[in-house]
Amino acid sequence: HLAQKFGFSYRNVTIKNAKTRWGSCSATNNINLSLHLMRLPQH
């Protein structure tokens, strides 16, 4: 949704149990997100 809204392109989204980083983006535009984002406020 946010990629379409702001005109970004990416390859894949991977959900991980990351406990040191909220997220990361690889050199090939694969996005990794921590499942702990679900504890954050929406904004």
PDB file of all heavy atoms in Angstrom:
ATOM      1  N   HIS A   1       0.827  -1.211   0.000  1.00  0.00           N
ATOM      2  CA  HIS A   1       0.000   0.000   0.000  1.00  0.00           C
ATOM      3  C   HIS A   1       0.863   1.263   0.000  1.00  0.00           C
ATOM      4  O   HIS A   1       0.651   2.180  -0.813  1.00  0.00           O
ATOM      5  CB  HIS A   1      -0.921  -0.017   1.217  1.00  0.00           C
ATOM      6  CG  HIS A   1      -1.582   1.304   1.493  1.00  0.00           C
ATOM      7  ND1 HIS A   1      -2.567   1.832   0.677  1.00  0.00           N
ATOM      8  CD2 HIS A   1      -1.373   2.228   2.485  1.00  0.00           C
ATOM      9  CE1 HIS A   1      -2.949   3.007   1.157  1.00  0.00           C
ATOM     10  NE2 HIS A   1      -2.242   3.277   2.245  1.00  0.00           N
ATOM     11  N   LEU A   2       1.861   1.320   0.892  1.00  0.00           N
ATOM     12  CA  LEU A   2       2.697   2.516   0.993  1.00  0.00           C
ATOM     13  C   LEU A   2       3.630   2.659  -0.219  1.00  0.00           C
ATOM     14  O   LEU A   2       3.912   3.775  -0.662  1.00  0.00           O
ATOM     15  CB  LEU A   2       3.507   2.478   2.289  1.00  0.00           C
ATOM     16  CG  LEU A   2       2.677   2.630   3.573  1.00  0.00           C
ATOM     17  CD1 LEU A   2       3.546   2.429   4.810  1.00  0.00           C
ATOM     18  CD2 LEU A   2       1.986   3.990   3.620  1.00  0.00           C
ATOM     19  N   ALA A   3       4.078   1.535  -0.764  1.00  0.00           N
ATOM     20  CA  ALA A   3       4.927   1.589  -1.964  1.00  0.00           C
ATOM     21  C   ALA A   3       4.147   2.166  -3.140  1.00  0.00           C
ATOM     22  O   ALA A   3       4.657   3.004  -3.898  1.00  0.00           O
ATOM     23  CB  ALA A   3       5.452   0.197  -2.297  1.00  0.00           C
ATOM     24  N   GLN A   4       2.907   1.723  -3.294  1.00  0.00           N
ATOM     25  CA  GLN A   4       2.072   2.241  -4.382  1.00  0.00           C
ATOM     26  C   GLN A   4       1.747   3.721  -4.166  1.00  0.00           C
ATOM     27  O   GLN A   4       1.788   4.530  -5.097  1.00  0.00           O
ATOM     28  CB  GLN A   4       0.784   1.430  -4.478  1.00  0.00           C
ATOM     29  CG  GLN A   4      -0.121   1.854  -5.641  1.00  0.00           C
ATOM     30  CD  GLN A   4      -1.365   0.990  -5.733  1.00  0.00           C
ATOM     31  OE1 GLN A   4      -1.808   0.411  -4.746  1.00  0.00           O
ATOM     32  NE2 GLN A   4      -1.924   0.896  -6.931  1.00  0.00           N
ATOM     33  N   LYS A   5       1.470   4.089  -2.930  1.00  0.00           N
ATOM     34  CA  LYS A   5       1.104   5.471  -2.613  1.00  0.00           C
ATOM     35  C   LYS A   5       2.236   6.454  -2.928  1.00  0.00           C
ATOM     36  O   LYS A   5       1.995   7.556  -3.438  1.00  0.00           O
ATOM     37  CB  LYS A   5       0.728   5.562  -1.133  1.00  0.00           C
ATOM     38  CG  LYS A   5       0.330   6.963  -0.688  1.00  0.00           C
ATOM     39  CD  LYS A   5      -0.091   6.959   0.786  1.00  0.00           C
ATOM     40  CE  LYS A   5      -0.466   8.371   1.245  1.00  0.00           C
ATOM     41  NZ  LYS A   5      -0.899   8.377   2.673  1.00  0.00           N
ATOM     42  N   PHE A   6       3.489   6.044  -2.657  1.00  0.00           N
ATOM     43  CA  PHE A   6       4.619   6.966  -2.818  1.00  0.00           C
ATOM     44  C   PHE A   6       5.530   6.620  -4.000  1.00  0.00           C
ATOM     45  O   PHE A   6       6.573   7.234  -4.180  1.00  0.00           O
ATOM     46  CB  PHE A   6       5.438   7.007  -1.525  1.00  0.00           C
ATOM     47  CG  PHE A   6       4.708   7.635  -0.374  1.00  0.00           C
ATOM     48  CD1 PHE A   6       4.175   6.843   0.644  1.00  0.00           C
ATOM     49  CD2 PHE A   6       4.506   9.010  -0.311  1.00  0.00           C
ATOM     50  CE1 PHE A   6       3.494   7.424   1.714  1.00  0.00           C
ATOM     51  CE2 PHE A   6       3.828   9.593   0.744  1.00  0.00           C
ATOM     52  CZ  PHE A   6       3.313   8.799   1.760  1.00  0.00           C
ATOM     53  N   GLY A   7       5.142   5.619  -4.786  1.00  0.00           N
ATOM     54  CA  GLY A   7       5.870   5.328  -6.016  1.00  0.00           C
ATOM     55  C   GLY A   7       7.167   4.567  -5.853  1.00  0.00           C
ATOM     56  O   GLY A   7       8.110   4.766  -6.617  1.00  0.00           O
ATOM     57  N   PHE A   8       7.233   3.644  -4.909  1.00  0.00           N
ATOM     58  CA  PHE A   8       8.429   2.815  -4.714  1.00  0.00           C
ATOM     59  C   PHE A   8       8.205   1.427  -5.315  1.00  0.00           C
ATOM     60  O   PHE A   8       7.066   0.964  -5.432  1.00  0.00           O
ATOM     61  CB  PHE A   8       8.746   2.653  -3.226  1.00  0.00           C
ATOM     62  CG  PHE A   8       9.199   3.907  -2.544  1.00  0.00           C
ATOM     63  CD1 PHE A   8       8.328   4.618  -1.729  1.00  0.00           C
ATOM     64  CD2 PHE A   8      10.489   4.382  -2.721  1.00  0.00           C
ATOM     65  CE1 PHE A   8       8.730   5.772  -1.089  1.00  0.00           C
ATOM     66  CE2 PHE A   8      10.909   5.539  -2.084  1.00  0.00           C
ATOM     67  CZ  PHE A   8      10.031   6.237  -1.274  1.00  0.00           C
ATOM     68  N   SER A   9       9.295   0.779  -5.654  1.00  0.00           N
ATOM     69  CA  SER A   9       9.230  -0.625  -6.079  1.00  0.00           C
ATOM     70  C   SER A   9      10.223  -1.430  -5.250  1.00  0.00           C
ATOM     71  O   SER A   9      11.272  -0.930  -4.855  1.00  0.00           O
ATOM     72  CB  SER A   9       9.542  -0.759  -7.572  1.00  0.00           C
ATOM     73  OG  SER A   9      10.839  -0.294  -7.853  1.00  0.00           O
ATOM     74  N   TYR A  10       9.874  -2.676  -4.971  1.00  0.00           N
ATOM     75  CA  TYR A  10      10.720  -3.574  -4.168  1.00  0.00           C
ATOM     76  C   TYR A  10      10.483  -4.984  -4.663  1.00  0.00           C
ATOM     77  O   TYR A  10       9.589  -5.240  -5.487  1.00  0.00           O
ATOM     78  CB  TYR A  10      10.354  -3.440  -2.680  1.00  0.00           C
ATOM     79  CG  TYR A  10       8.922  -3.808  -2.380  1.00  0.00           C
ATOM     80  CD1 TYR A  10       8.574  -5.094  -1.974  1.00  0.00           C
ATOM     81  CD2 TYR A  10       7.889  -2.872  -2.541  1.00  0.00           C
ATOM     82  CE1 TYR A  10       7.256  -5.431  -1.727  1.00  0.00           C
ATOM     83  CE2 TYR A  10       6.564  -3.207  -2.303  1.00  0.00           C
ATOM     84  CZ  TYR A  10       6.261  -4.489  -1.888  1.00  0.00           C
ATOM     85  OH  TYR A  10       4.956  -4.838  -1.665  1.00  0.00           O
ATOM     86  N   ARG A  11      11.271  -5.919  -4.171  1.00  0.00           N
ATOM     87  CA  ARG A  11      11.138  -7.298  -4.642  1.00  0.00           C
ATOM     88  C   ARG A  11      10.244  -8.136  -3.714  1.00  0.00           C
ATOM     89  O   ARG A  11       9.147  -8.505  -4.069  1.00  0.00           O
ATOM     90  CB  ARG A  11      12.517  -7.940  -4.772  1.00  0.00           C
ATOM     91  CG  ARG A  11      13.367  -7.300  -5.874  1.00  0.00           C
ATOM     92  CD  ARG A  11      14.694  -8.025  -6.051  1.00  0.00           C
ATOM     93  NE  ARG A  11      14.494  -9.383  -6.535  1.00  0.00           N
ATOM     94  CZ  ARG A  11      15.475 -10.272  -6.683  1.00  0.00           C
ATOM     95  NH1 ARG A  11      16.727  -9.951  -6.372  1.00  0.00           N
ATOM     96  NH2 ARG A  11      15.216 -11.476  -7.141  1.00  0.00           N
ATOM     97  N   ASN A  12      10.733  -8.437  -2.519  1.00  0.00           N
ATOM     98  CA  ASN A  12       9.987  -9.306  -1.607  1.00  0.00           C
ATOM     99  C   ASN A  12       9.956  -8.705  -0.206  1.00  0.00           C
ATOM    100  O   ASN A  12      10.816  -7.903   0.161  1.00  0.00           O
ATOM    101  CB  ASN A  12      10.641 -10.697  -1.534  1.00  0.00           C
ATOM    102  CG  ASN A  12      10.659 -11.391  -2.878  1.00  0.00           C
ATOM    103  OD1 ASN A  12       9.616 -11.605  -3.482  1.00  0.00           O
ATOM    104  ND2 ASN A  12      11.848 -11.737  -3.356  1.00  0.00           N
ATOM    105  N   VAL A  13       8.987  -9.156   0.584  1.00  0.00           N
ATOM    106  CA  VAL A  13       8.917  -8.799   1.998  1.00  0.00           C
ATOM    107  C   VAL A  13       9.049 -10.084   2.815  1.00  0.00           C
ATOM    108  O   VAL A  13       8.313 -11.049   2.587  1.00  0.00           O
ATOM    109  CB  VAL A  13       7.582  -8.109   2.347  1.00  0.00           C
ATOM    110  CG1 VAL A  13       7.505  -7.839   3.859  1.00  0.00           C
ATOM    111  CG2 VAL A  13       7.423  -6.811   1.573  1.00  0.00           C
ATOM    112  N   THR A  14       9.984 -10.079   3.759  1.00  0.00           N
ATOM    113  CA  THR A  14      10.197 -11.229   4.635  1.00  0.00           C
ATOM    114  C   THR A  14       9.990 -10.797   6.079  1.00  0.00           C
ATOM    115  O   THR A  14      10.502  -9.757   6.494  1.00  0.00           O
ATOM    116  CB  THR A  14      11.618 -11.798   4.470  1.00  0.00           C
ATOM    117  OG1 THR A  14      11.816 -12.167   3.097  1.00  0.00           O
ATOM    118  CG2 THR A  14      11.825 -13.022   5.346  1.00  0.00           C
ATOM    119  N   ILE A  15       9.233 -11.598   6.817  1.00  0.00           N
ATOM    120  CA  ILE A  15       8.983 -11.315   8.228  1.00  0.00           C
ATOM    121  C   ILE A  15       9.916 -12.182   9.066  1.00  0.00           C
ATOM    122  O   ILE A  15       9.975 -13.404   8.894  1.00  0.00           O
ATOM    123  CB  ILE A  15       7.523 -11.622   8.612  1.00  0.00           C
ATOM    124  CG1 ILE A  15       6.551 -10.935   7.637  1.00  0.00           C
ATOM    125  CG2 ILE A  15       7.260 -11.208  10.051  1.00  0.00           C
ATOM    126  CD1 ILE A  15       6.683  -9.437   7.570  1.00  0.00           C
ATOM    127  N   LYS A  16      10.650 -11.548   9.982  1.00  0.00           N
ATOM    128  CA  LYS A  16      11.598 -12.273  10.825  1.00  0.00           C
ATOM    129  C   LYS A  16      11.379 -11.928  12.296  1.00  0.00           C
ATOM    130  O   LYS A  16      10.831 -10.876  12.621  1.00  0.00           O
ATOM    131  CB  LYS A  16      13.038 -11.923  10.433  1.00  0.00           C
ATOM    132  CG  LYS A  16      13.404 -12.338   9.012  1.00  0.00           C
ATOM    133  CD  LYS A  16      14.866 -12.036   8.719  1.00  0.00           C
ATOM    134  CE  LYS A  16      15.249 -12.527   7.333  1.00  0.00           C
ATOM    135  NZ  LYS A  16      16.688 -12.283   7.044  1.00  0.00           N
ATOM    136  N   ASN A  17      11.836 -12.812  13.157  1.00  0.00           N
ATOM    137  CA  ASN A  17      11.787 -12.542  14.599  1.00  0.00           C
ATOM    138  C   ASN A  17      13.060 -11.789  14.989  1.00  0.00           C
ATOM    139  O   ASN A  17      13.838 -12.229  15.829  1.00  0.00           O
ATOM    140  CB  ASN A  17      11.653 -13.842  15.391  1.00  0.00           C
ATOM    141  CG  ASN A  17      11.475 -13.587  16.875  1.00  0.00           C
ATOM    142  OD1 ASN A  17      11.150 -12.482  17.297  1.00  0.00           O
ATOM    143  ND2 ASN A  17      11.705 -14.605  17.675  1.00  0.00           N
ATOM    144  N   ALA A  18      13.264 -10.642  14.354  1.00  0.00           N
ATOM    145  CA  ALA A  18      14.473  -9.847  14.584  1.00  0.00           C
ATOM    146  C   ALA A  18      14.343  -9.087  15.896  1.00  0.00           C
ATOM    147  O   ALA A  18      13.324  -8.450  16.149  1.00  0.00           O
ATOM    148  CB  ALA A  18      14.696  -8.881  13.424  1.00  0.00           C
ATOM    149  N   LYS A  19      15.387  -9.139  16.708  1.00  0.00           N
ATOM    150  CA  LYS A  19      15.360  -8.484  18.013  1.00  0.00           C
ATOM    151  C   LYS A  19      16.463  -7.443  18.152  1.00  0.00           C
ATOM    152  O   LYS A  19      16.719  -6.943  19.244  1.00  0.00           O
ATOM    153  CB  LYS A  19      15.442  -9.531  19.117  1.00  0.00           C
ATOM    154  CG  LYS A  19      14.216 -10.443  19.137  1.00  0.00           C
ATOM    155  CD  LYS A  19      14.292 -11.487  20.214  1.00  0.00           C
ATOM    156  CE  LYS A  19      13.033 -12.354  20.213  1.00  0.00           C
ATOM    157  NZ  LYS A  19      13.075 -13.418  21.228  1.00  0.00           N
ATOM    158  N   THR A  20      17.109  -7.133  17.038  1.00  0.00           N
ATOM    159  CA  THR A  20      18.128  -6.076  17.062  1.00  0.00           C
ATOM    160  C   THR A  20      17.817  -4.968  16.067  1.00  0.00           C
ATOM    161  O   THR A  20      18.360  -3.879  16.182  1.00  0.00           O
ATOM    162  CB  THR A  20      19.519  -6.649  16.742  1.00  0.00           C
ATOM    163  OG1 THR A  20      19.487  -7.308  15.465  1.00  0.00           O
ATOM    164  CG2 THR A  20      19.959  -7.639  17.809  1.00  0.00           C
ATOM    165  N   ARG A  21      16.935  -5.231  15.085  1.00  0.00           N
ATOM    166  CA  ARG A  21      16.585  -4.213  14.090  1.00  0.00           C
ATOM    167  C   ARG A  21      15.101  -4.309  13.776  1.00  0.00           C
ATOM    168  O   ARG A  21      14.538  -5.394  13.659  1.00  0.00           O
ATOM    169  CB  ARG A  21      17.389  -4.411  12.797  1.00  0.00           C
ATOM    170  CG  ARG A  21      18.891  -4.406  12.987  1.00  0.00           C
ATOM    171  CD  ARG A  21      19.619  -4.658  11.680  1.00  0.00           C
ATOM    172  NE  ARG A  21      19.557  -3.512  10.787  1.00  0.00           N
ATOM    173  CZ  ARG A  21      20.156  -3.462   9.597  1.00  0.00           C
ATOM    174  NH1 ARG A  21      20.819  -4.509   9.150  1.00  0.00           N
ATOM    175  NH2 ARG A  21      20.068  -2.379   8.861  1.00  0.00           N
ATOM    176  N   TRP A  22      14.469  -3.147  13.598  1.00  0.00           N
ATOM    177  CA  TRP A  22      13.070  -3.124  13.200  1.00  0.00           C
ATOM    178  C   TRP A  22      12.893  -3.592  11.761  1.00  0.00           C
ATOM    179  O   TRP A  22      11.882  -4.203  11.423  1.00  0.00           O
ATOM    180  CB  TRP A  22      12.508  -1.712  13.324  1.00  0.00           C
ATOM    181  CG  TRP A  22      12.401  -1.196  14.717  1.00  0.00           C
ATOM    182  CD1 TRP A  22      13.147  -0.202  15.290  1.00  0.00           C
ATOM    183  CD2 TRP A  22      11.490  -1.624  15.733  1.00  0.00           C
ATOM    184  NE1 TRP A  22      12.756   0.009  16.590  1.00  0.00           N
ATOM    185  CE2 TRP A  22      11.724  -0.849  16.887  1.00  0.00           C
ATOM    186  CE3 TRP A  22      10.475  -2.587  15.777  1.00  0.00           C
ATOM    187  CZ2 TRP A  22      11.008  -1.008  18.072  1.00  0.00           C
ATOM    188  CZ3 TRP A  22       9.752  -2.754  16.961  1.00  0.00           C
ATOM    189  CH2 TRP A  22      10.023  -1.964  18.082  1.00  0.00           C
ATOM    190  N   GLY A  23      13.862  -3.270  10.914  1.00  0.00           N
ATOM    191  CA  GLY A  23      13.755  -3.652   9.511  1.00  0.00           C
ATOM    192  C   GLY A  23      15.063  -3.419   8.788  1.00  0.00           C
ATOM    193  O   GLY A  23      15.995  -2.819   9.325  1.00  0.00           O
ATOM    194  N   SER A  24      15.130  -3.902   7.549  1.00  0.00           N
ATOM    195  CA  SER A  24      16.305  -3.686   6.710  1.00  0.00           C
ATOM    196  C   SER A  24      15.895  -3.826   5.252  1.00  0.00           C
ATOM    197  O   SER A  24      14.851  -4.406   4.936  1.00  0.00           O
ATOM    198  CB  SER A  24      17.426  -4.681   7.041  1.00  0.00           C
ATOM    199  OG  SER A  24      17.004  -6.013   6.775  1.00  0.00           O
ATOM    200  N   CYS A  25      16.735  -3.273   4.379  1.00  0.00           N
ATOM    201  CA  CYS A  25      16.510  -3.372   2.939  1.00  0.00           C
ATOM    202  C   CYS A  25      17.807  -3.813   2.292  1.00  0.00           C
ATOM    203  O   CYS A  25      18.858  -3.198   2.509  1.00  0.00           O
ATOM    204  CB  CYS A  25      16.061  -2.023   2.366  1.00  0.00           C
ATOM    205  SG  CYS A  25      15.802  -2.027   0.579  1.00  0.00           S
ATOM    206  N   SER A  26      17.767  -4.889   1.526  1.00  0.00           N
ATOM    207  CA  SER A  26      18.986  -5.435   0.923  1.00  0.00           C
ATOM    208  C   SER A  26      19.385  -4.634  -0.315  1.00  0.00           C
ATOM    209  O   SER A  26      18.627  -3.784  -0.808  1.00  0.00           O
ATOM    210  CB  SER A  26      18.764  -6.896   0.533  1.00  0.00           C
ATOM    211  OG  SER A  26      17.903  -6.977  -0.596  1.00  0.00           O
ATOM    212  N   ALA A  27      20.549  -4.934  -0.816  1.00  0.00           N
ATOM    213  CA  ALA A  27      21.047  -4.262  -2.022  1.00  0.00           C
ATOM    214  C   ALA A  27      20.155  -4.535  -3.227  1.00  0.00           C
ATOM    215  O   ALA A  27      20.110  -3.748  -4.172  1.00  0.00           O
ATOM    216  CB  ALA A  27      22.474  -4.712  -2.304  1.00  0.00           C
ATOM    217  N   THR A  28      19.434  -5.666  -3.186  1.00  0.00           N
ATOM    218  CA  THR A  28      18.534  -6.024  -4.297  1.00  0.00           C
ATOM    219  C   THR A  28      17.079  -5.654  -3.993  1.00  0.00           C
ATOM    220  O   THR A  28      16.152  -6.171  -4.618  1.00  0.00           O
ATOM    221  CB  THR A  28      18.647  -7.522  -4.608  1.00  0.00           C
ATOM    222  OG1 THR A  28      18.406  -8.283  -3.407  1.00  0.00           O
ATOM    223  CG2 THR A  28      20.035  -7.861  -5.146  1.00  0.00           C
ATOM    224  N   ASN A  29      16.875  -4.802  -2.994  1.00  0.00           N
ATOM    225  CA  ASN A  29      15.548  -4.272  -2.630  1.00  0.00           C
ATOM    226  C   ASN A  29      14.586  -5.316  -2.071  1.00  0.00           C
ATOM    227  O   ASN A  29      13.370  -5.227  -2.268  1.00  0.00           O
ATOM    228  CB  ASN A  29      14.913  -3.548  -3.810  1.00  0.00           C
ATOM    229  CG  ASN A  29      15.660  -2.274  -4.154  1.00  0.00           C
ATOM    230  OD1 ASN A  29      16.423  -1.750  -3.333  1.00  0.00           O
ATOM    231  ND2 ASN A  29      15.454  -1.768  -5.357  1.00  0.00           N
ATOM    232  N   ASN A  30      15.142  -6.308  -1.370  1.00  0.00           N
ATOM    233  CA  ASN A  30      14.312  -7.188  -0.557  1.00  0.00           C
ATOM    234  C   ASN A  30      14.161  -6.550   0.826  1.00  0.00           C
ATOM    235  O   ASN A  30      15.163  -6.137   1.427  1.00  0.00           O
ATOM    236  CB  ASN A  30      14.957  -8.572  -0.421  1.00  0.00           C
ATOM    237  CG  ASN A  30      14.896  -9.351  -1.712  1.00  0.00           C
ATOM    238  OD1 ASN A  30      13.843  -9.439  -2.337  1.00  0.00           O
ATOM    239  ND2 ASN A  30      16.014  -9.924  -2.124  1.00  0.00           N
ATOM    240  N   ILE A  31      12.951  -6.464   1.314  1.00  0.00           N
ATOM    241  CA  ILE A  31      12.688  -5.803   2.586  1.00  0.00           C
ATOM    242  C   ILE A  31      12.432  -6.847   3.668  1.00  0.00           C
ATOM    243  O   ILE A  31      11.608  -7.747   3.498  1.00  0.00           O
ATOM    244  CB  ILE A  31      11.492  -4.848   2.459  1.00  0.00           C
ATOM    245  CG1 ILE A  31      11.867  -3.671   1.544  1.00  0.00           C
ATOM    246  CG2 ILE A  31      11.043  -4.342   3.829  1.00  0.00           C
ATOM    247  CD1 ILE A  31      10.739  -2.700   1.282  1.00  0.00           C
ATOM    248  N   ASN A  32      13.163  -6.727   4.771  1.00  0.00           N
ATOM    249  CA  ASN A  32      12.979  -7.589   5.930  1.00  0.00           C
ATOM    250  C   ASN A  32      12.378  -6.756   7.058  1.00  0.00           C
ATOM    251  O   ASN A  32      12.863  -5.660   7.342  1.00  0.00           O
ATOM    252  CB  ASN A  32      14.318  -8.172   6.392  1.00  0.00           C
ATOM    253  CG  ASN A  32      14.992  -8.984   5.319  1.00  0.00           C
ATOM    254  OD1 ASN A  32      14.388  -9.899   4.764  1.00  0.00           O
ATOM    255  ND2 ASN A  32      16.229  -8.654   5.007  1.00  0.00           N
ATOM    256  N   LEU A  33      11.341  -7.278   7.693  1.00  0.00           N
ATOM    257  CA  LEU A  33      10.681  -6.564   8.776  1.00  0.00           C
ATOM    258  C   LEU A  33      10.567  -7.459  10.006  1.00  0.00           C
ATOM    259  O   LEU A  33      10.315  -8.660   9.893  1.00  0.00           O
ATOM    260  CB  LEU A  33       9.291  -6.098   8.348  1.00  0.00           C
ATOM    261  CG  LEU A  33       9.234  -5.090   7.198  1.00  0.00           C
ATOM    262  CD1 LEU A  33       7.795  -4.843   6.787  1.00  0.00           C
ATOM    263  CD2 LEU A  33       9.915  -3.775   7.580  1.00  0.00           C
ATOM    264  N   SER A  34      10.749  -6.856  11.174  1.00  0.00           N
ATOM    265  CA  SER A  34      10.594  -7.596  12.425  1.00  0.00           C
ATOM    266  C   SER A  34       9.115  -7.764  12.753  1.00  0.00           C
ATOM    267  O   SER A  34       8.322  -6.827  12.619  1.00  0.00           O
ATOM    268  CB  SER A  34      11.289  -6.855  13.568  1.00  0.00           C
ATOM    269  OG  SER A  34      10.962  -7.439  14.811  1.00  0.00           O
ATOM    270  N   LEU A  35       8.748  -8.954  13.214  1.00  0.00           N
ATOM    271  CA  LEU A  35       7.359  -9.181  13.612  1.00  0.00           C
ATOM    272  C   LEU A  35       6.969  -8.299  14.805  1.00  0.00           C
ATOM    273  O   LEU A  35       5.785  -8.067  15.061  1.00  0.00           O
ATOM    274  CB  LEU A  35       7.114 -10.658  13.920  1.00  0.00           C
ATOM    275  CG  LEU A  35       7.959 -11.347  14.995  1.00  0.00           C
ATOM    276  CD1 LEU A  35       7.336 -11.171  16.367  1.00  0.00           C
ATOM    277  CD2 LEU A  35       8.111 -12.836  14.684  1.00  0.00           C
ATOM    278  N   HIS A  36       7.966  -7.754  15.514  1.00  0.00           N
ATOM    279  CA  HIS A  36       7.690  -6.899  16.667  1.00  0.00           C
ATOM    280  C   HIS A  36       7.164  -5.522  16.268  1.00  0.00           C
ATOM    281  O   HIS A  36       6.765  -4.737  17.142  1.00  0.00           O
ATOM    282  CB  HIS A  36       8.943  -6.779  17.539  1.00  0.00           C
ATOM    283  CG  HIS A  36       9.381  -8.093  18.096  1.00  0.00           C
ATOM    284  ND1 HIS A  36       8.785  -8.669  19.183  1.00  0.00           N
ATOM    285  CD2 HIS A  36      10.333  -8.971  17.677  1.00  0.00           C
ATOM    286  CE1 HIS A  36       9.359  -9.839  19.432  1.00  0.00           C
ATOM    287  NE2 HIS A  36      10.300 -10.035  18.529  1.00  0.00           N
ATOM    288  N   LEU A  37       7.139  -5.242  14.971  1.00  0.00           N
ATOM    289  CA  LEU A  37       6.476  -4.021  14.503  1.00  0.00           C
ATOM    290  C   LEU A  37       5.002  -3.998  14.904  1.00  0.00           C
ATOM    291  O   LEU A  37       4.399  -2.926  15.025  1.00  0.00           O
ATOM    292  CB  LEU A  37       6.577  -3.904  12.982  1.00  0.00           C
ATOM    293  CG  LEU A  37       7.925  -3.498  12.388  1.00  0.00           C
ATOM    294  CD1 LEU A  37       7.872  -3.582  10.874  1.00  0.00           C
ATOM    295  CD2 LEU A  37       8.317  -2.112  12.831  1.00  0.00           C
ATOM    296  N   MET A  38       4.430  -5.181  15.106  1.00  0.00           N
ATOM    297  CA  MET A  38       3.017  -5.252  15.448  1.00  0.00           C
ATOM    298  C   MET A  38       2.724  -4.732  16.859  1.00  0.00           C
ATOM    299  O   MET A  38       1.572  -4.592  17.226  1.00  0.00           O
ATOM    300  CB  MET A  38       2.509  -6.700  15.312  1.00  0.00           C
ATOM    301  CG  MET A  38       2.698  -7.296  13.916  1.00  0.00           C
ATOM    302  SD  MET A  38       2.062  -6.233  12.597  1.00  0.00           S
ATOM    303  CE  MET A  38       0.318  -6.259  12.945  1.00  0.00           C
ATOM    304  N   ARG A  39       3.760  -4.422  17.621  1.00  0.00           N
ATOM    305  CA  ARG A  39       3.575  -3.834  18.944  1.00  0.00           C
ATOM    306  C   ARG A  39       3.701  -2.316  18.926  1.00  0.00           C
ATOM    307  O   ARG A  39       3.506  -1.646  19.943  1.00  0.00           O
ATOM    308  CB  ARG A  39       4.600  -4.428  19.919  1.00  0.00           C
ATOM    309  CG  ARG A  39       4.329  -5.860  20.307  1.00  0.00           C
ATOM    310  CD  ARG A  39       3.228  -5.967  21.341  1.00  0.00           C
ATOM    311  NE  ARG A  39       3.693  -5.525  22.639  1.00  0.00           N
ATOM    312  CZ  ARG A  39       3.112  -4.591  23.373  1.00  0.00           C
ATOM    313  NH1 ARG A  39       2.033  -3.985  22.927  1.00  0.00           N
ATOM    314  NH2 ARG A  39       3.583  -4.248  24.537  1.00  0.00           N
ATOM    315  N   LEU A  40       4.067  -1.772  17.766  1.00  0.00           N
ATOM    316  CA  LEU A  40       4.242  -0.329  17.649  1.00  0.00           C
ATOM    317  C   LEU A  40       2.918   0.366  17.321  1.00  0.00           C
ATOM    318  O   LEU A  40       2.044  -0.233  16.696  1.00  0.00           O
ATOM    319  CB  LEU A  40       5.243  -0.002  16.543  1.00  0.00           C
ATOM    320  CG  LEU A  40       6.716  -0.310  16.787  1.00  0.00           C
ATOM    321  CD1 LEU A  40       7.524   0.027  15.536  1.00  0.00           C
ATOM    322  CD2 LEU A  40       7.255   0.452  17.979  1.00  0.00           C
ATOM    323  N   PRO A  41       2.794   1.646  17.687  1.00  0.00           N
ATOM    324  CA  PRO A  41       1.651   2.423  17.195  1.00  0.00           C
ATOM    325  C   PRO A  41       1.674   2.473  15.667  1.00  0.00           C
ATOM    326  O   PRO A  41       2.737   2.356  15.045  1.00  0.00           O
ATOM    327  CB  PRO A  41       1.898   3.817  17.796  1.00  0.00           C
ATOM    328  CG  PRO A  41       2.834   3.613  18.923  1.00  0.00           C
ATOM    329  CD  PRO A  41       3.676   2.428  18.563  1.00  0.00           C
ATOM    330  N   GLN A  42       0.511   2.648  15.081  1.00  0.00           N
ATOM    331  CA  GLN A  42       0.381   2.618  13.622  1.00  0.00           C
ATOM    332  C   GLN A  42       1.358   3.557  12.919  1.00  0.00           C
ATOM    333  O   GLN A  42       2.008   3.189  11.945  1.00  0.00           O
ATOM    334  CB  GLN A  42      -1.051   2.981  13.231  1.00  0.00           C
ATOM    335  CG  GLN A  42      -1.310   3.015  11.734  1.00  0.00           C
ATOM    336  CD  GLN A  42      -1.239   1.641  11.114  1.00  0.00           C
ATOM    337  OE1 GLN A  42      -1.919   0.741  11.575  1.00  0.00           O
ATOM    338  NE2 GLN A  42      -0.422   1.464  10.089  1.00  0.00           N
ATOM    339  N   HIS A  43       1.488   4.802  13.411  1.00  0.00           N
ATOM    340  CA  HIS A  43       2.314   5.780  12.700  1.00  0.00           C
ATOM    341  C   HIS A  43       3.792   5.412  12.742  1.00  0.00           C
ATOM    342  O   HIS A  43       4.526   5.688  11.790  1.00  0.00           O
ATOM    343  CB  HIS A  43       2.077   7.195  13.252  1.00  0.00           C
ATOM    344  CG  HIS A  43       2.592   7.417  14.636  1.00  0.00           C
ATOM    345  ND1 HIS A  43       2.007   6.849  15.754  1.00  0.00           N
ATOM    346  CD2 HIS A  43       3.652   8.157  15.090  1.00  0.00           C
ATOM    347  CE1 HIS A  43       2.661   7.233  16.834  1.00  0.00           C
ATOM    348  NE2 HIS A  43       3.669   8.021  16.460  1.00  0.00           N
TER     349      HIS A  43
END
